[in-house]
Amino acid sequence: MYKHILIPTDGSELSQKAIEAGVEFARESQARVTAFTAVPEYPLPSEAELMSRRMASHGRRGLSALVHGSQTHGVLTHSTIPTLVYR
C-alpha cells in the first residue's frame, strides 16, 4: 500500500519509539524510509518547567498540547497524501 514512508521526529527520546515503529511498518510494507528531524528555532520549555508554573499536566494537555499537538494536527489537516500518526 505504502511505497515511501517519511518519519519526521523532533529528536526526543520519546520519538525513538515512533522511529522504531515506522521502520518496522516500512519493512513489513516493503517501503522506502526517509527520516527527518525538525527542531524549533527556539528552545521549548521542558515539561518540568511547565509543571512548576502550573501551565500543563501529563498527557499533553494545556499549553503542552497546544505546542506539540498543533504540529500533528496541522500536518493531518493540510496533507494531500495518506498520512499515519503513531501515538
N, C-alpha and C. Protein backbone atom coordinates (compact mmCIF):
# COMPACT_ATOMS: atom_id res chain seq x y z
N MET A 1 0.82 -1.19 0.00
CA MET A 1 0.00 0.00 0.00
C MET A 1 0.87 1.26 0.00
N TYR A 2 1.80 1.34 0.94
CA TYR A 2 2.70 2.50 1.00
C TYR A 2 4.01 2.14 0.33
N LYS A 3 4.52 3.07 -0.48
CA LYS A 3 5.78 2.84 -1.18
C LYS A 3 6.93 3.60 -0.53
N HIS A 4 6.61 4.69 0.11
CA HIS A 4 7.64 5.54 0.69
C HIS A 4 7.08 6.15 1.98
N ILE A 5 7.81 5.98 3.07
CA ILE A 5 7.34 6.47 4.37
C ILE A 5 8.31 7.52 4.90
N LEU A 6 7.78 8.67 5.23
CA LEU A 6 8.54 9.74 5.85
C LEU A 6 8.35 9.63 7.35
N ILE A 7 9.44 9.61 8.09
CA ILE A 7 9.37 9.53 9.54
C ILE A 7 9.97 10.82 10.11
N PRO A 8 9.11 11.82 10.37
CA PRO A 8 9.61 13.06 10.96
C PRO A 8 9.60 12.96 12.48
N THR A 9 10.64 13.43 13.13
CA THR A 9 10.71 13.41 14.58
C THR A 9 11.29 14.73 15.08
N ASP A 10 11.19 14.91 16.38
CA ASP A 10 11.77 16.11 16.99
C ASP A 10 13.10 15.81 17.68
N GLY A 11 13.60 14.59 17.51
CA GLY A 11 14.88 14.23 18.10
C GLY A 11 14.82 13.84 19.56
N SER A 12 13.63 13.78 20.14
CA SER A 12 13.49 13.45 21.55
C SER A 12 13.64 11.95 21.76
N GLU A 13 13.87 11.56 23.02
CA GLU A 13 13.97 10.14 23.35
C GLU A 13 12.64 9.44 23.06
N LEU A 14 11.55 10.11 23.34
CA LEU A 14 10.23 9.53 23.11
C LEU A 14 9.99 9.24 21.64
N SER A 15 10.53 10.06 20.76
CA SER A 15 10.32 9.85 19.32
C SER A 15 11.00 8.59 18.82
N GLN A 16 11.92 8.05 19.60
CA GLN A 16 12.60 6.82 19.21
C GLN A 16 11.60 5.68 19.00
N LYS A 17 10.54 5.63 19.81
CA LYS A 17 9.50 4.61 19.65
C LYS A 17 8.81 4.75 18.29
N ALA A 18 8.53 5.98 17.91
CA ALA A 18 7.88 6.21 16.62
C ALA A 18 8.81 5.82 15.47
N ILE A 19 10.10 6.09 15.63
CA ILE A 19 11.06 5.71 14.59
C ILE A 19 11.08 4.20 14.43
N GLU A 20 11.18 3.49 15.55
CA GLU A 20 11.22 2.02 15.50
C GLU A 20 9.95 1.46 14.88
N ALA A 21 8.80 2.00 15.27
CA ALA A 21 7.53 1.52 14.71
C ALA A 21 7.44 1.85 13.22
N GLY A 22 7.88 3.02 12.83
CA GLY A 22 7.84 3.40 11.42
C GLY A 22 8.74 2.55 10.55
N VAL A 23 9.93 2.24 11.04
CA VAL A 23 10.86 1.39 10.29
C VAL A 23 10.29 -0.02 10.17
N GLU A 24 9.72 -0.53 11.25
CA GLU A 24 9.11 -1.87 11.20
C GLU A 24 7.93 -1.89 10.22
N PHE A 25 7.10 -0.85 10.25
CA PHE A 25 5.97 -0.78 9.33
C PHE A 25 6.46 -0.73 7.88
N ALA A 26 7.51 0.04 7.64
CA ALA A 26 8.08 0.13 6.30
C ALA A 26 8.64 -1.21 5.84
N ARG A 27 9.30 -1.90 6.76
CA ARG A 27 9.85 -3.22 6.44
C ARG A 27 8.72 -4.18 6.03
N GLU A 28 7.64 -4.18 6.81
CA GLU A 28 6.51 -5.06 6.50
C GLU A 28 5.82 -4.68 5.20
N SER A 29 5.83 -3.38 4.88
CA SER A 29 5.18 -2.88 3.67
C SER A 29 6.12 -2.88 2.47
N GLN A 30 7.38 -3.23 2.70
CA GLN A 30 8.42 -3.16 1.67
C GLN A 30 8.50 -1.76 1.08
N ALA A 31 8.46 -0.77 1.96
CA ALA A 31 8.51 0.63 1.54
C ALA A 31 9.87 1.24 1.88
N ARG A 32 10.21 2.28 1.17
CA ARG A 32 11.41 3.05 1.48
C ARG A 32 11.12 3.95 2.67
N VAL A 33 12.17 4.34 3.38
CA VAL A 33 12.03 5.22 4.53
C VAL A 33 12.91 6.45 4.34
N THR A 34 12.35 7.60 4.64
CA THR A 34 13.11 8.83 4.74
C THR A 34 12.90 9.38 6.13
N ALA A 35 13.99 9.61 6.84
CA ALA A 35 13.91 10.16 8.19
C ALA A 35 14.15 11.66 8.13
N PHE A 36 13.46 12.39 9.00
CA PHE A 36 13.56 13.85 9.02
C PHE A 36 13.46 14.30 10.47
N THR A 37 14.41 15.09 10.91
CA THR A 37 14.38 15.62 12.27
C THR A 37 14.15 17.12 12.19
N ALA A 38 13.14 17.58 12.90
CA ALA A 38 12.80 19.00 12.93
C ALA A 38 12.86 19.49 14.37
N VAL A 39 13.50 20.61 14.58
CA VAL A 39 13.54 21.22 15.91
C VAL A 39 13.17 22.69 15.76
N PRO A 40 12.51 23.24 16.76
CA PRO A 40 12.13 24.65 16.68
C PRO A 40 13.36 25.54 16.77
N GLU A 41 13.21 26.76 16.28
CA GLU A 41 14.31 27.73 16.32
C GLU A 41 14.56 28.22 17.74
N TYR A 42 13.61 28.05 18.60
CA TYR A 42 13.75 28.47 19.99
C TYR A 42 13.56 27.24 20.88
N PRO A 43 14.20 27.21 22.03
CA PRO A 43 14.04 26.05 22.91
C PRO A 43 12.67 26.04 23.58
N LEU A 44 11.99 24.93 23.49
CA LEU A 44 10.71 24.77 24.17
C LEU A 44 10.96 24.51 25.64
N PRO A 45 10.12 25.01 26.51
CA PRO A 45 10.30 24.71 27.93
C PRO A 45 10.07 23.22 28.17
N SER A 46 10.81 22.67 29.11
CA SER A 46 10.63 21.26 29.45
C SER A 46 9.30 21.08 30.16
N GLU A 47 8.85 19.84 30.22
CA GLU A 47 7.59 19.56 30.91
C GLU A 47 7.72 19.92 32.39
N ALA A 48 8.91 19.70 32.95
CA ALA A 48 9.12 20.04 34.36
C ALA A 48 8.97 21.55 34.58
N GLU A 49 9.50 22.34 33.65
CA GLU A 49 9.35 23.80 33.76
C GLU A 49 7.89 24.21 33.67
N LEU A 50 7.18 23.59 32.76
CA LEU A 50 5.76 23.91 32.61
C LEU A 50 4.97 23.51 33.85
N MET A 51 5.30 22.32 34.38
CA MET A 51 4.59 21.84 35.56
C MET A 51 4.85 22.74 36.77
N SER A 52 6.08 23.24 36.88
CA SER A 52 6.40 24.08 38.03
C SER A 52 5.65 25.41 37.97
N ARG A 53 5.22 25.80 36.80
CA ARG A 53 4.45 27.04 36.63
C ARG A 53 2.95 26.76 36.59
N ARG A 54 2.53 25.48 36.77
CA ARG A 54 1.14 25.04 36.69
C ARG A 54 0.50 25.41 35.37
N MET A 55 1.24 25.27 34.27
CA MET A 55 0.71 25.62 32.96
C MET A 55 0.35 24.40 32.15
N ALA A 56 0.68 23.20 32.59
CA ALA A 56 0.37 22.00 31.81
C ALA A 56 0.33 20.80 32.74
N SER A 57 -0.16 19.69 32.23
CA SER A 57 -0.17 18.46 33.01
C SER A 57 0.27 17.31 32.12
N HIS A 58 0.39 16.13 32.68
CA HIS A 58 0.79 14.97 31.91
C HIS A 58 -0.28 14.65 30.87
N GLY A 59 0.14 13.99 29.80
CA GLY A 59 -0.82 13.57 28.78
C GLY A 59 -1.05 14.62 27.72
N ARG A 60 -0.14 15.55 27.58
CA ARG A 60 -0.24 16.56 26.52
C ARG A 60 -1.53 17.35 26.57
N ARG A 61 -1.79 17.96 27.69
CA ARG A 61 -2.95 18.84 27.81
C ARG A 61 -2.46 20.25 28.04
N GLY A 62 -3.34 21.18 27.98
CA GLY A 62 -2.98 22.57 28.25
C GLY A 62 -1.98 23.12 27.26
N LEU A 63 -1.02 23.87 27.75
CA LEU A 63 -0.03 24.52 26.89
C LEU A 63 0.81 23.50 26.14
N SER A 64 1.16 22.40 26.79
CA SER A 64 1.96 21.38 26.14
C SER A 64 1.25 20.81 24.92
N ALA A 65 -0.05 20.57 25.02
CA ALA A 65 -0.82 20.07 23.88
C ALA A 65 -0.89 21.11 22.78
N LEU A 66 -1.00 22.36 23.16
CA LEU A 66 -1.05 23.43 22.17
C LEU A 66 0.25 23.49 21.37
N VAL A 67 1.36 23.39 22.07
CA VAL A 67 2.66 23.48 21.40
C VAL A 67 2.95 22.25 20.57
N HIS A 68 2.74 21.05 21.15
CA HIS A 68 3.11 19.82 20.46
C HIS A 68 2.01 19.27 19.58
N GLY A 69 0.79 19.27 20.05
CA GLY A 69 -0.31 18.69 19.29
C GLY A 69 -0.67 19.46 18.04
N SER A 70 -0.43 20.75 18.04
CA SER A 70 -0.81 21.56 16.89
C SER A 70 0.00 21.20 15.65
N GLN A 71 1.22 20.70 15.82
CA GLN A 71 2.03 20.31 14.66
C GLN A 71 1.41 19.11 13.95
N THR A 72 1.05 18.10 14.70
CA THR A 72 0.43 16.91 14.11
C THR A 72 -0.91 17.27 13.49
N HIS A 73 -1.70 18.05 14.20
CA HIS A 73 -3.00 18.46 13.67
C HIS A 73 -2.83 19.22 12.36
N GLY A 74 -1.84 20.09 12.29
CA GLY A 74 -1.59 20.86 11.08
C GLY A 74 -1.22 19.97 9.91
N VAL A 75 -0.39 18.97 10.16
CA VAL A 75 0.00 18.04 9.09
C VAL A 75 -1.21 17.28 8.59
N LEU A 76 -2.01 16.74 9.52
CA LEU A 76 -3.19 15.98 9.11
C LEU A 76 -4.20 16.84 8.37
N THR A 77 -4.34 18.07 8.78
CA THR A 77 -5.30 18.98 8.16
C THR A 77 -4.91 19.35 6.73
N HIS A 78 -3.62 19.54 6.49
CA HIS A 78 -3.16 20.06 5.21
C HIS A 78 -2.56 19.01 4.27
N SER A 79 -2.41 17.78 4.74
CA SER A 79 -1.80 16.75 3.90
C SER A 79 -2.72 16.37 2.75
N THR A 80 -2.12 16.22 1.59
CA THR A 80 -2.88 15.80 0.40
C THR A 80 -2.57 14.34 0.06
N ILE A 81 -1.77 13.68 0.90
CA ILE A 81 -1.42 12.29 0.70
C ILE A 81 -1.80 11.48 1.94
N PRO A 82 -1.92 10.15 1.84
CA PRO A 82 -2.25 9.35 3.02
C PRO A 82 -1.24 9.59 4.13
N THR A 83 -1.74 9.81 5.34
CA THR A 83 -0.87 10.15 6.47
C THR A 83 -1.25 9.29 7.67
N LEU A 84 -0.25 8.67 8.28
CA LEU A 84 -0.44 7.89 9.50
C LEU A 84 0.23 8.62 10.65
N VAL A 85 -0.35 8.51 11.83
CA VAL A 85 0.25 9.10 13.02
C VAL A 85 0.44 7.98 14.03
N TYR A 86 1.67 7.83 14.53
CA TYR A 86 1.95 6.83 15.56
C TYR A 86 1.82 7.51 16.90
N ARG A 87 0.91 7.02 17.70
CA ARG A 87 0.66 7.66 19.00
C ARG A 87 1.45 6.98 20.09
